Structure formats: C-alpha cells, structure tokens
Amino acid sequence: MSRRFPFDLDGLIGEGWSGVDPDGAHVNVVLAERGTPTAAALLTTFTSPAPGHAPILVVVGEDKAHYEPVWPPTIMINKATALQDRHQTITWGAGQLGIAQGVLDAVAEEVIPLTGDLVVFVAIYIDPAAGDETAVRVASRAATLKGIRTARTGRPVGDAQALVDRRDSLQSPFYNGS
C-alpha cells in the first residue's frame, strides 16, 4: 500500500490530560490511515457499542438538522461508563464538542492534515461527578490537542529516559500499596 502522507501517521498514539477534577478530561488518541489494519481495528470499535459505552462519529452543529462531521473523521468513545443522564449529557455534549475543537485546533496548527484519509480515534474519560460543562469542554479541547501533538511528535527522549530512571519510585493516584 502506498502512503497518502509525506510522513507515517498510522498507529501513532498519544495521551493528554487537562483541567481540574472533577471537570477535567483525560484522552488517549490513536491516528490511523484509512485502509490500514489500524483503521480497521478502530472501525470495529466504532461498530461495537456496549452498555454505557457508545462510540460515535464526532459531529458539531447548532441542532440535529445541522450536524456535520469533524474532518478528519474522528471517532470518540467514553472510557467511563455513562449511565446517568447528566454524565451522558456532559460526555456527549461538552466532551464531544471539546474533542471536535481539539482536532480542528490540530488541523489549524498543521499537526495533522485536513483529509478523510486519516481517522482520529479519541477515548475520553470524564468523571461521573463532573458538573461544569464549559470546564469539561475546555479541558477536552486542550487534552485532545495535547494527545494529538504527542501522537504526532512523540515524547522527547530526555523525558522518556527520566521516566526510566525513576521507574522504582513511580506512583499512581489510583494505587495505595507500597
């Protein structure tokens, strides 16, 4: 298969966090070139919803009659199970709009090309306790742009090496052991 881009975007992975809990957003981003196994795997996720997890094509518009997809095509899936009405509204409202804006920021900054040959996959975590829609939108936008930038440019070698050097003292806010 010949490449559609002057650089290889397929399978690039990034991560981004922005905001303040509970109204922050954490994203994982995968870029895929249309027609590749990476894109096929992402599209399988798109067609495989589960209770509380609905992969969607990111769209924007002032009402349903005016929805239009973000370009490059962007697929969003929520990482937190969204079963409560308020969490669903914030996830698929503020979260989706923020993702759309973050992808469009990446296009405007020429981090990624404006093309249908690229598929952007964004898995997003929004805390079920989130309540400030604007803060979630702003955080989702910034986290998405950060995730795309990281996917596109990678991590600086010095930062990655510093993590290797600190590996025995690493911590996680979700781990309480010793």
N, C-alpha and C. Protein backbone atom coordinates (compact mmCIF):
# COMPACT_ATOMS: atom_id res chain seq x y z
N MET A 1 0.84 -1.18 0.00
CA MET A 1 0.00 0.00 0.00
C MET A 1 0.88 1.24 0.00
N SER A 2 0.59 2.18 -0.86
CA SER A 2 1.37 3.42 -0.87
C SER A 2 0.82 4.38 0.18
N ARG A 3 1.68 5.17 0.74
CA ARG A 3 1.32 6.13 1.78
C ARG A 3 0.65 7.35 1.15
N ARG A 4 -0.36 7.87 1.82
CA ARG A 4 -1.05 9.06 1.35
C ARG A 4 -0.41 10.33 1.90
N PHE A 5 0.47 10.19 2.89
CA PHE A 5 1.05 11.34 3.58
C PHE A 5 2.57 11.32 3.39
N PRO A 6 3.20 12.48 3.50
CA PRO A 6 4.67 12.51 3.39
C PRO A 6 5.35 11.94 4.64
N PHE A 7 4.57 11.58 5.64
CA PHE A 7 5.09 11.00 6.88
C PHE A 7 4.11 9.93 7.31
N ASP A 8 4.53 9.00 8.14
CA ASP A 8 3.69 7.88 8.54
C ASP A 8 2.90 8.24 9.79
N LEU A 9 1.59 8.37 9.66
CA LEU A 9 0.72 8.68 10.78
C LEU A 9 0.07 7.44 11.37
N ASP A 10 0.08 6.35 10.63
CA ASP A 10 -0.69 5.17 11.03
C ASP A 10 -0.17 4.55 12.33
N GLY A 11 -1.07 4.43 13.28
CA GLY A 11 -0.75 3.76 14.54
C GLY A 11 -0.07 4.65 15.57
N LEU A 12 0.04 5.93 15.30
CA LEU A 12 0.64 6.83 16.29
C LEU A 12 -0.31 6.98 17.48
N ILE A 13 0.27 7.01 18.68
CA ILE A 13 -0.52 7.02 19.91
C ILE A 13 -0.10 8.19 20.77
N GLY A 14 -1.09 8.85 21.37
CA GLY A 14 -0.81 9.96 22.28
C GLY A 14 -1.78 9.97 23.44
N GLU A 15 -1.45 10.80 24.42
CA GLU A 15 -2.26 10.91 25.64
C GLU A 15 -2.29 12.36 26.05
N GLY A 16 -3.40 12.79 26.62
CA GLY A 16 -3.49 14.15 27.11
C GLY A 16 -4.42 14.26 28.30
N TRP A 17 -4.06 15.11 29.23
CA TRP A 17 -4.90 15.46 30.38
C TRP A 17 -4.98 16.97 30.45
N SER A 18 -6.14 17.48 30.83
CA SER A 18 -6.28 18.90 31.06
C SER A 18 -7.41 19.12 32.05
N GLY A 19 -7.36 20.24 32.74
CA GLY A 19 -8.43 20.63 33.63
C GLY A 19 -8.17 20.28 35.08
N VAL A 20 -9.20 20.45 35.87
CA VAL A 20 -9.16 20.20 37.31
C VAL A 20 -10.32 19.26 37.65
N ASP A 21 -10.01 18.22 38.43
CA ASP A 21 -11.06 17.28 38.84
C ASP A 21 -12.18 18.00 39.59
N PRO A 22 -13.42 17.63 39.40
CA PRO A 22 -13.90 16.52 38.57
C PRO A 22 -14.21 16.92 37.13
N ASP A 23 -13.88 18.18 36.77
CA ASP A 23 -14.28 18.68 35.46
C ASP A 23 -13.15 18.65 34.43
N GLY A 24 -12.12 17.85 34.69
CA GLY A 24 -11.04 17.69 33.74
C GLY A 24 -11.36 16.60 32.73
N ALA A 25 -10.42 16.37 31.84
CA ALA A 25 -10.61 15.33 30.82
C ALA A 25 -9.29 14.64 30.56
N HIS A 26 -9.35 13.32 30.41
CA HIS A 26 -8.18 12.53 30.06
C HIS A 26 -8.49 11.80 28.76
N VAL A 27 -7.60 11.91 27.77
CA VAL A 27 -7.83 11.25 26.49
C VAL A 27 -6.65 10.37 26.10
N ASN A 28 -6.96 9.36 25.34
CA ASN A 28 -5.98 8.55 24.62
C ASN A 28 -6.34 8.73 23.15
N VAL A 29 -5.33 8.98 22.33
CA VAL A 29 -5.53 9.25 20.91
C VAL A 29 -4.76 8.22 20.09
N VAL A 30 -5.41 7.71 19.05
CA VAL A 30 -4.74 6.86 18.07
C VAL A 30 -5.05 7.44 16.69
N LEU A 31 -4.02 7.57 15.87
CA LEU A 31 -4.20 8.03 14.50
C LEU A 31 -4.09 6.83 13.58
N ALA A 32 -4.94 6.79 12.57
CA ALA A 32 -4.92 5.66 11.64
C ALA A 32 -5.13 6.16 10.21
N GLU A 33 -4.40 5.55 9.30
CA GLU A 33 -4.57 5.86 7.89
C GLU A 33 -5.65 4.94 7.32
N ARG A 34 -6.61 5.55 6.61
CA ARG A 34 -7.71 4.77 6.03
C ARG A 34 -7.15 3.63 5.18
N GLY A 35 -7.75 2.44 5.35
CA GLY A 35 -7.34 1.28 4.58
C GLY A 35 -6.28 0.42 5.25
N THR A 36 -5.83 0.80 6.44
CA THR A 36 -4.81 0.02 7.15
C THR A 36 -5.46 -0.88 8.19
N PRO A 37 -4.74 -1.88 8.68
CA PRO A 37 -5.27 -2.70 9.78
C PRO A 37 -5.58 -1.87 11.03
N THR A 38 -4.83 -0.82 11.28
CA THR A 38 -5.11 0.05 12.43
C THR A 38 -6.49 0.67 12.27
N ALA A 39 -6.77 1.22 11.10
CA ALA A 39 -8.08 1.83 10.86
C ALA A 39 -9.19 0.78 10.97
N ALA A 40 -8.95 -0.42 10.44
CA ALA A 40 -9.96 -1.48 10.52
C ALA A 40 -10.27 -1.82 11.98
N ALA A 41 -9.24 -1.90 12.81
CA ALA A 41 -9.45 -2.20 14.23
C ALA A 41 -10.25 -1.09 14.91
N LEU A 42 -9.92 0.16 14.61
CA LEU A 42 -10.65 1.27 15.21
C LEU A 42 -12.10 1.30 14.75
N LEU A 43 -12.33 0.99 13.48
CA LEU A 43 -13.70 0.97 12.98
C LEU A 43 -14.50 -0.18 13.57
N THR A 44 -13.84 -1.26 13.96
CA THR A 44 -14.52 -2.36 14.65
C THR A 44 -15.03 -1.86 16.00
N THR A 45 -14.22 -1.07 16.70
CA THR A 45 -14.65 -0.47 17.96
C THR A 45 -15.86 0.43 17.73
N PHE A 46 -15.82 1.19 16.66
CA PHE A 46 -16.91 2.11 16.32
C PHE A 46 -18.22 1.36 16.13
N THR A 47 -18.17 0.16 15.64
CA THR A 47 -19.39 -0.60 15.38
C THR A 47 -19.72 -1.59 16.50
N SER A 48 -19.06 -1.44 17.65
CA SER A 48 -19.26 -2.38 18.76
C SER A 48 -19.61 -1.66 20.07
N PRO A 49 -20.76 -1.01 20.14
CA PRO A 49 -21.12 -0.35 21.39
C PRO A 49 -21.40 -1.37 22.50
N ALA A 50 -21.28 -0.91 23.74
CA ALA A 50 -21.60 -1.72 24.91
C ALA A 50 -22.41 -0.83 25.86
N PRO A 51 -23.15 -1.42 26.79
CA PRO A 51 -23.95 -0.60 27.70
C PRO A 51 -23.09 0.46 28.40
N GLY A 52 -23.48 1.73 28.22
CA GLY A 52 -22.75 2.83 28.84
C GLY A 52 -21.53 3.29 28.07
N HIS A 53 -21.21 2.61 26.96
CA HIS A 53 -20.05 2.98 26.13
C HIS A 53 -20.52 3.04 24.68
N ALA A 54 -20.67 4.25 24.16
CA ALA A 54 -21.19 4.42 22.82
C ALA A 54 -20.15 5.11 21.94
N PRO A 55 -19.47 4.37 21.08
CA PRO A 55 -18.57 5.02 20.14
C PRO A 55 -19.39 5.83 19.14
N ILE A 56 -18.96 7.06 18.89
CA ILE A 56 -19.71 7.92 17.97
C ILE A 56 -18.76 8.61 17.01
N LEU A 57 -19.29 8.99 15.87
CA LEU A 57 -18.59 9.86 14.94
C LEU A 57 -18.79 11.27 15.48
N VAL A 58 -17.70 11.99 15.72
CA VAL A 58 -17.79 13.32 16.31
C VAL A 58 -18.41 14.28 15.29
N VAL A 59 -19.49 14.90 15.72
CA VAL A 59 -20.20 15.87 14.88
C VAL A 59 -20.43 17.15 15.67
N VAL A 60 -20.63 18.22 14.94
CA VAL A 60 -20.96 19.50 15.56
C VAL A 60 -22.12 20.11 14.78
N GLY A 61 -22.82 21.03 15.41
CA GLY A 61 -23.94 21.71 14.76
C GLY A 61 -24.86 22.29 15.80
N GLU A 62 -25.52 23.38 15.44
CA GLU A 62 -26.40 24.05 16.40
C GLU A 62 -27.64 23.24 16.75
N ASP A 63 -28.01 22.29 15.87
CA ASP A 63 -29.10 21.37 16.16
C ASP A 63 -28.90 20.12 15.30
N LYS A 64 -29.71 19.11 15.54
CA LYS A 64 -29.53 17.83 14.84
C LYS A 64 -29.62 17.98 13.32
N ALA A 65 -30.46 18.86 12.86
CA ALA A 65 -30.62 19.05 11.41
C ALA A 65 -29.36 19.63 10.77
N HIS A 66 -28.49 20.23 11.58
CA HIS A 66 -27.29 20.86 11.04
C HIS A 66 -25.99 20.16 11.47
N TYR A 67 -26.10 18.92 11.96
CA TYR A 67 -24.89 18.18 12.32
C TYR A 67 -23.98 18.04 11.11
N GLU A 68 -22.69 18.17 11.34
CA GLU A 68 -21.70 17.84 10.32
C GLU A 68 -20.50 17.21 11.00
N PRO A 69 -19.88 16.25 10.33
CA PRO A 69 -18.76 15.56 10.96
C PRO A 69 -17.50 16.43 10.96
N VAL A 70 -16.74 16.28 12.02
CA VAL A 70 -15.43 16.91 12.09
C VAL A 70 -14.53 16.20 11.09
N TRP A 71 -13.63 16.95 10.47
CA TRP A 71 -12.73 16.38 9.48
C TRP A 71 -11.32 16.70 9.86
N PRO A 72 -10.41 15.76 9.95
CA PRO A 72 -10.56 14.37 9.56
C PRO A 72 -11.58 13.65 10.45
N PRO A 73 -12.18 12.59 9.87
CA PRO A 73 -13.18 11.85 10.64
C PRO A 73 -12.61 11.45 12.00
N THR A 74 -13.41 11.70 13.03
CA THR A 74 -12.98 11.46 14.40
C THR A 74 -13.99 10.58 15.10
N ILE A 75 -13.51 9.52 15.70
CA ILE A 75 -14.36 8.60 16.46
C ILE A 75 -14.05 8.80 17.94
N MET A 76 -15.09 8.95 18.71
CA MET A 76 -14.97 9.15 20.16
C MET A 76 -15.62 7.98 20.87
N ILE A 77 -14.98 7.53 21.95
CA ILE A 77 -15.61 6.56 22.84
C ILE A 77 -15.31 6.99 24.27
N ASN A 78 -16.28 6.84 25.13
CA ASN A 78 -16.08 7.20 26.52
C ASN A 78 -15.45 6.05 27.29
N LYS A 79 -14.48 6.39 28.17
CA LYS A 79 -13.81 5.38 28.99
C LYS A 79 -14.57 5.15 30.30
N ALA A 80 -15.30 6.16 30.77
CA ALA A 80 -16.11 6.00 31.98
C ALA A 80 -17.51 5.58 31.56
N THR A 81 -18.06 4.57 32.20
CA THR A 81 -19.40 4.12 31.88
C THR A 81 -20.39 5.24 32.14
N ALA A 82 -21.10 5.67 31.11
CA ALA A 82 -22.04 6.78 31.22
C ALA A 82 -23.47 6.24 31.22
N LEU A 83 -24.00 6.02 32.40
CA LEU A 83 -25.37 5.52 32.51
C LEU A 83 -26.32 6.56 33.10
N GLN A 84 -25.78 7.56 33.78
CA GLN A 84 -26.60 8.61 34.38
C GLN A 84 -26.83 9.71 33.34
N ASP A 85 -28.03 10.26 33.32
CA ASP A 85 -28.38 11.27 32.32
C ASP A 85 -27.40 12.44 32.29
N ARG A 86 -27.04 12.98 33.46
CA ARG A 86 -26.15 14.15 33.49
C ARG A 86 -24.77 13.80 32.94
N HIS A 87 -24.25 12.63 33.30
CA HIS A 87 -22.93 12.22 32.80
C HIS A 87 -22.97 12.00 31.29
N GLN A 88 -24.06 11.43 30.79
CA GLN A 88 -24.21 11.25 29.35
C GLN A 88 -24.23 12.60 28.63
N THR A 89 -24.99 13.55 29.17
CA THR A 89 -25.09 14.87 28.55
C THR A 89 -23.74 15.55 28.50
N ILE A 90 -22.99 15.51 29.60
CA ILE A 90 -21.67 16.15 29.62
C ILE A 90 -20.70 15.42 28.70
N THR A 91 -20.74 14.09 28.69
CA THR A 91 -19.82 13.32 27.85
C THR A 91 -20.07 13.58 26.38
N TRP A 92 -21.30 13.41 25.94
CA TRP A 92 -21.59 13.53 24.50
C TRP A 92 -21.90 14.97 24.07
N GLY A 93 -21.99 15.87 25.03
CA GLY A 93 -22.14 17.29 24.72
C GLY A 93 -20.80 17.99 24.82
N ALA A 94 -20.44 18.36 26.05
CA ALA A 94 -19.19 19.10 26.28
C ALA A 94 -17.96 18.32 25.85
N GLY A 95 -17.92 17.03 26.17
CA GLY A 95 -16.77 16.21 25.80
C GLY A 95 -16.61 16.11 24.29
N GLN A 96 -17.70 15.83 23.60
CA GLN A 96 -17.65 15.71 22.14
C GLN A 96 -17.26 17.04 21.49
N LEU A 97 -17.86 18.14 21.95
CA LEU A 97 -17.54 19.44 21.37
C LEU A 97 -16.07 19.79 21.61
N GLY A 98 -15.57 19.51 22.81
CA GLY A 98 -14.16 19.77 23.10
C GLY A 98 -13.23 18.95 22.23
N ILE A 99 -13.58 17.68 22.03
CA ILE A 99 -12.78 16.83 21.13
C ILE A 99 -12.79 17.42 19.72
N ALA A 100 -13.96 17.82 19.24
CA ALA A 100 -14.06 18.41 17.90
C ALA A 100 -13.15 19.63 17.79
N GLN A 101 -13.21 20.50 18.79
CA GLN A 101 -12.38 21.70 18.75
C GLN A 101 -10.90 21.36 18.82
N GLY A 102 -10.53 20.38 19.63
CA GLY A 102 -9.13 19.98 19.74
C GLY A 102 -8.59 19.41 18.43
N VAL A 103 -9.40 18.60 17.75
CA VAL A 103 -8.98 18.06 16.45
C VAL A 103 -8.83 19.19 15.44
N LEU A 104 -9.79 20.11 15.43
CA LEU A 104 -9.71 21.23 14.50
C LEU A 104 -8.54 22.16 14.84
N ASP A 105 -8.21 22.30 16.12
CA ASP A 105 -7.01 23.05 16.50
C ASP A 105 -5.76 22.38 15.92
N ALA A 106 -5.71 21.06 16.00
CA ALA A 106 -4.56 20.32 15.46
C ALA A 106 -4.44 20.51 13.96
N VAL A 107 -5.56 20.55 13.27
CA VAL A 107 -5.54 20.81 11.82
C VAL A 107 -5.08 22.25 11.56
N ALA A 108 -5.63 23.19 12.31
CA ALA A 108 -5.27 24.60 12.11
C ALA A 108 -3.77 24.83 12.36
N GLU A 109 -3.20 24.10 13.33
CA GLU A 109 -1.77 24.21 13.63
C GLU A 109 -0.91 23.33 12.72
N GLU A 110 -1.55 22.62 11.78
CA GLU A 110 -0.88 21.72 10.84
C GLU A 110 -0.13 20.59 11.53
N VAL A 111 -0.65 20.15 12.67
CA VAL A 111 -0.11 18.98 13.36
C VAL A 111 -0.56 17.72 12.62
N ILE A 112 -1.81 17.75 12.12
CA ILE A 112 -2.36 16.68 11.29
C ILE A 112 -2.99 17.32 10.06
N PRO A 113 -3.08 16.56 8.96
CA PRO A 113 -3.65 17.12 7.74
C PRO A 113 -5.18 17.10 7.75
N LEU A 114 -5.75 17.99 6.98
CA LEU A 114 -7.19 18.06 6.78
C LEU A 114 -7.54 17.11 5.64
N THR A 115 -7.90 15.86 6.00
CA THR A 115 -8.14 14.84 4.98
C THR A 115 -9.05 13.76 5.54
N GLY A 116 -9.78 13.14 4.65
CA GLY A 116 -10.58 11.98 5.02
C GLY A 116 -9.79 10.70 5.02
N ASP A 117 -8.51 10.76 4.65
CA ASP A 117 -7.66 9.58 4.64
C ASP A 117 -7.05 9.29 6.01
N LEU A 118 -7.29 10.17 6.97
CA LEU A 118 -6.83 9.98 8.34
C LEU A 118 -8.05 9.79 9.22
N VAL A 119 -7.99 8.83 10.15
CA VAL A 119 -9.04 8.65 11.14
C VAL A 119 -8.43 8.93 12.50
N VAL A 120 -9.07 9.80 13.27
CA VAL A 120 -8.62 10.14 14.61
C VAL A 120 -9.54 9.42 15.59
N PHE A 121 -8.95 8.64 16.46
CA PHE A 121 -9.72 7.90 17.48
C PHE A 121 -9.39 8.52 18.83
N VAL A 122 -10.42 8.92 19.58
CA VAL A 122 -10.21 9.54 20.89
C VAL A 122 -11.05 8.80 21.92
N ALA A 123 -10.38 8.18 22.89
CA ALA A 123 -11.05 7.58 24.04
C ALA A 123 -10.93 8.60 25.17
N ILE A 124 -12.07 8.98 25.75
CA ILE A 124 -12.06 10.06 26.73
C ILE A 124 -12.63 9.61 28.07
N TYR A 125 -11.98 10.06 29.14
CA TYR A 125 -12.51 9.85 30.49
C TYR A 125 -13.01 11.18 31.01
N ILE A 126 -14.28 11.20 31.36
CA ILE A 126 -14.88 12.33 32.05
C ILE A 126 -15.48 11.77 33.33
N ASP A 127 -15.10 12.36 34.45
CA ASP A 127 -15.54 11.92 35.76
C ASP A 127 -17.07 11.98 35.85
N PRO A 128 -17.70 10.92 36.36
CA PRO A 128 -19.16 10.97 36.53
C PRO A 128 -19.62 12.11 37.44
N ALA A 129 -18.71 12.66 38.27
CA ALA A 129 -19.07 13.77 39.15
C ALA A 129 -18.91 15.13 38.47
N ALA A 130 -18.48 15.15 37.22
CA ALA A 130 -18.31 16.43 36.51
C ALA A 130 -19.63 17.18 36.47
N GLY A 131 -19.55 18.50 36.60
CA GLY A 131 -20.77 19.29 36.59
C GLY A 131 -20.67 20.58 35.80
N ASP A 132 -19.47 21.04 35.51
CA ASP A 132 -19.28 22.29 34.80
C ASP A 132 -19.02 21.99 33.33
N GLU A 133 -20.07 22.13 32.52
CA GLU A 133 -19.96 21.77 31.10
C GLU A 133 -18.88 22.57 30.37
N THR A 134 -18.77 23.85 30.67
CA THR A 134 -17.77 24.66 29.98
C THR A 134 -16.36 24.21 30.36
N ALA A 135 -16.13 23.93 31.64
CA ALA A 135 -14.81 23.45 32.06
C ALA A 135 -14.48 22.12 31.40
N VAL A 136 -15.46 21.24 31.28
CA VAL A 136 -15.23 19.95 30.62
C VAL A 136 -14.93 20.15 29.14
N ARG A 137 -15.65 21.06 28.48
CA ARG A 137 -15.38 21.32 27.06
C ARG A 137 -13.97 21.87 26.87
N VAL A 138 -13.59 22.84 27.68
CA VAL A 138 -12.26 23.43 27.58
C VAL A 138 -11.18 22.38 27.86
N ALA A 139 -11.39 21.57 28.88
CA ALA A 139 -10.42 20.52 29.22
C ALA A 139 -10.33 19.47 28.12
N SER A 140 -11.46 19.08 27.56
CA SER A 140 -11.48 18.09 26.48
C SER A 140 -10.76 18.61 25.25
N ARG A 141 -10.95 19.88 24.96
CA ARG A 141 -10.27 20.50 23.81
C ARG A 141 -8.77 20.48 24.00
N ALA A 142 -8.31 20.95 25.15
CA ALA A 142 -6.86 21.01 25.42
C ALA A 142 -6.25 19.62 25.49
N ALA A 143 -6.94 18.67 26.14
CA ALA A 143 -6.41 17.31 26.26
C ALA A 143 -6.31 16.65 24.88
N THR A 144 -7.30 16.87 24.03
CA THR A 144 -7.29 16.28 22.69
C THR A 144 -6.13 16.85 21.87
N LEU A 145 -5.95 18.14 21.88
CA LEU A 145 -4.84 18.74 21.15
C LEU A 145 -3.51 18.21 21.68
N LYS A 146 -3.37 18.13 22.99
CA LYS A 146 -2.14 17.60 23.58
C LYS A 146 -1.92 16.15 23.13
N GLY A 147 -2.98 15.34 23.16
CA GLY A 147 -2.86 13.94 22.75
C GLY A 147 -2.45 13.80 21.30
N ILE A 148 -3.02 14.62 20.43
CA ILE A 148 -2.66 14.57 19.01
C ILE A 148 -1.22 15.04 18.81
N ARG A 149 -0.84 16.10 19.50
CA ARG A 149 0.56 16.56 19.40
C ARG A 149 1.52 15.46 19.82
N THR A 150 1.22 14.80 20.94
CA THR A 150 2.09 13.73 21.43
C THR A 150 2.14 12.58 20.44
N ALA A 151 0.98 12.22 19.88
CA ALA A 151 0.95 11.15 18.88
C ALA A 151 1.83 11.53 17.69
N ARG A 152 1.72 12.75 17.25
CA ARG A 152 2.42 13.20 16.04
C ARG A 152 3.92 13.38 16.25
N THR A 153 4.31 13.90 17.41
CA THR A 153 5.72 14.24 17.61
C THR A 153 6.44 13.29 18.56
N GLY A 154 5.70 12.46 19.30
CA GLY A 154 6.32 11.55 20.26
C GLY A 154 6.74 12.28 21.52
N ARG A 155 7.43 11.57 22.38
CA ARG A 155 7.93 12.15 23.62
C ARG A 155 9.39 12.50 23.45
N PRO A 156 9.81 13.61 24.03
CA PRO A 156 11.23 13.91 23.99
C PRO A 156 12.02 12.78 24.66
N VAL A 157 13.14 12.39 24.07
CA VAL A 157 13.93 11.28 24.58
C VAL A 157 14.31 11.52 26.04
N GLY A 158 14.64 12.76 26.39
CA GLY A 158 15.02 13.08 27.77
C GLY A 158 13.90 12.80 28.75
N ASP A 159 12.66 13.13 28.38
CA ASP A 159 11.51 12.87 29.25
C ASP A 159 11.28 11.37 29.41
N ALA A 160 11.39 10.64 28.31
CA ALA A 160 11.20 9.18 28.37
C ALA A 160 12.30 8.54 29.21
N GLN A 161 13.54 9.01 29.06
CA GLN A 161 14.65 8.46 29.84
C GLN A 161 14.49 8.79 31.32
N ALA A 162 14.00 9.98 31.63
CA ALA A 162 13.77 10.36 33.04
C ALA A 162 12.77 9.41 33.69
N LEU A 163 11.77 8.98 32.94
CA LEU A 163 10.79 8.02 33.46
C LEU A 163 11.46 6.67 33.72
N VAL A 164 12.32 6.24 32.81
CA VAL A 164 13.07 5.00 33.01
C VAL A 164 13.92 5.12 34.27
N ASP A 165 14.56 6.25 34.45
CA ASP A 165 15.44 6.45 35.60
C ASP A 165 14.67 6.46 36.92
N ARG A 166 13.43 6.91 36.91
CA ARG A 166 12.60 6.98 38.12
C ARG A 166 11.70 5.76 38.30
N ARG A 167 11.87 4.73 37.51
CA ARG A 167 10.91 3.62 37.46
C ARG A 167 10.64 2.99 38.81
N ASP A 168 11.60 2.94 39.72
CA ASP A 168 11.39 2.30 41.03
C ASP A 168 10.62 3.18 42.00
N SER A 169 10.51 4.46 41.71
CA SER A 169 9.80 5.36 42.63
C SER A 169 8.50 5.91 42.03
N LEU A 170 8.06 5.33 40.94
CA LEU A 170 6.84 5.81 40.28
C LEU A 170 5.63 5.64 41.19
N GLN A 171 4.64 6.51 41.00
CA GLN A 171 3.41 6.49 41.78
C GLN A 171 2.21 6.61 40.85
N SER A 172 1.05 6.28 41.38
CA SER A 172 -0.22 6.46 40.69
C SER A 172 -1.26 6.90 41.70
N PRO A 173 -2.11 7.84 41.34
CA PRO A 173 -3.14 8.27 42.29
C PRO A 173 -4.17 7.17 42.56
N PHE A 174 -4.14 6.09 41.80
CA PHE A 174 -5.09 5.00 41.98
C PHE A 174 -4.47 3.78 42.67
N TYR A 175 -3.24 3.93 43.16
CA TYR A 175 -2.54 2.84 43.83
C TYR A 175 -2.17 3.28 45.24
N ASN A 176 -2.57 2.49 46.24
CA ASN A 176 -2.32 2.85 47.64
C ASN A 176 -1.36 1.89 48.32
N GLY A 177 -0.80 0.96 47.60
CA GLY A 177 0.11 -0.03 48.19
C GLY A 177 1.50 0.54 48.40
N SER A 178 2.39 -0.36 48.77
CA SER A 178 3.77 0.08 49.00
C SER A 178 4.72 -0.57 48.01
